Protein backbone atom coordinates (compact mmCIF):
# COMPACT_ATOMS: atom_id res chain seq x y z
CA UNK A 1 -2.26 -7.32 -18.58
CA UNK A 2 -4.57 -5.15 -16.70
CA UNK A 3 -6.94 -8.07 -16.15
CA UNK A 4 -4.14 -10.07 -14.40
CA UNK A 5 -3.33 -7.05 -12.29
CA UNK A 6 -6.85 -6.67 -11.33
CA UNK A 7 -7.04 -10.33 -10.42
CA UNK A 8 -3.89 -10.11 -8.22
CA UNK A 9 -5.10 -6.95 -6.65
CA UNK A 10 -8.44 -8.64 -5.52
CA UNK A 11 -7.22 -9.68 -1.99
CA UNK A 12 -5.61 -6.16 -1.56
CA UNK A 13 -8.98 -4.61 -2.20
CA UNK A 14 -10.53 -6.26 0.86
CA UNK A 15 -7.59 -5.25 2.92
CA UNK A 16 -8.58 -3.88 6.33
CA UNK A 17 -6.23 -1.13 6.05
CA UNK A 18 -7.60 1.80 4.19
CA UNK A 19 -4.36 3.06 2.91
CA UNK A 20 -3.64 -0.26 1.07
CA UNK A 21 -7.03 -0.21 -0.57
CA UNK A 22 -6.58 3.40 -1.83
CA UNK A 23 -3.25 2.70 -3.12
CA UNK A 24 -4.28 -0.54 -4.88
CA UNK A 25 -7.21 1.55 -6.53
CA UNK A 26 -4.83 4.08 -7.64
CA UNK A 27 -2.13 1.82 -8.98
CA UNK A 28 -4.82 -0.13 -11.02
CA UNK A 29 -6.22 3.15 -12.33
CA UNK A 30 -2.62 4.45 -13.54
CA UNK A 31 -2.05 1.12 -15.09
CA UNK A 32 -4.90 1.63 -17.31
CA UNK A 33 -2.79 4.69 -18.96
CA UNK A 34 0.76 3.16 -19.17
CA UNK A 35 1.90 6.01 -21.34
CA UNK A 36 1.79 8.32 -18.20
CA UNK A 37 4.71 7.11 -16.59
CA UNK A 38 5.10 9.77 -13.90
CA UNK A 39 1.56 8.81 -12.81
CA UNK A 40 2.37 5.21 -12.83
CA UNK A 41 5.56 5.67 -10.91
CA UNK A 42 3.99 7.67 -8.16
CA UNK A 43 0.95 5.25 -7.98
CA UNK A 44 3.56 2.40 -7.48
CA UNK A 45 5.65 4.28 -4.89
CA UNK A 46 2.56 5.00 -2.92
CA UNK A 47 1.35 1.50 -3.31
CA UNK A 48 5.05 0.16 -1.81
CA UNK A 49 4.77 2.87 1.18
CA UNK A 50 1.08 1.74 2.09
CA UNK A 51 2.07 -2.10 1.97
CA UNK A 52 5.12 -1.61 4.00
CA UNK A 53 3.52 0.40 6.54
CA UNK A 54 0.84 -2.19 6.76
CA UNK A 55 2.93 -5.13 6.96
CA UNK A 56 5.56 -3.53 9.24
CA UNK A 57 5.92 -5.58 12.68
CA UNK A 58 4.10 -4.02 15.23
CA UNK A 59 6.25 -3.21 18.35
CA UNK A 60 5.42 -5.20 21.38
CA UNK A 61 3.54 -3.49 24.39
CA UNK A 62 6.82 -3.32 26.36
CA UNK A 63 8.67 -1.67 23.38
CA UNK A 64 5.73 0.75 22.88
CA UNK A 65 5.81 1.69 26.51
CA UNK A 66 9.47 2.22 26.66
CA UNK A 67 9.43 4.39 23.74
CA UNK A 68 6.77 6.66 25.48
CA UNK A 69 8.68 6.81 28.46
CA UNK A 70 11.93 7.80 26.95
CA UNK A 71 10.31 10.38 24.59
C-alpha cells in the first residue's frame, strides 16, 4: 500500500507550492505507521488543507482591487 501511495504522491512532491510538498511528505510518513491513527488523521487533514489552498481559484485582478478598496 505504501508503494502505491508513494507512486501516486510523486507528482505532488514536485508541486510548486511548498505547503503541498510538505503536507505530502508528512502524509507519506504518517502512512508508514498506520497504528498511530491520530498522526495519520492530522496529516490527512493538513494535506487536504494544503491541496485545497493550492487549487483554490485565484481572484481576478479586479476582484482583488475591489477587496482592498472596500477593506
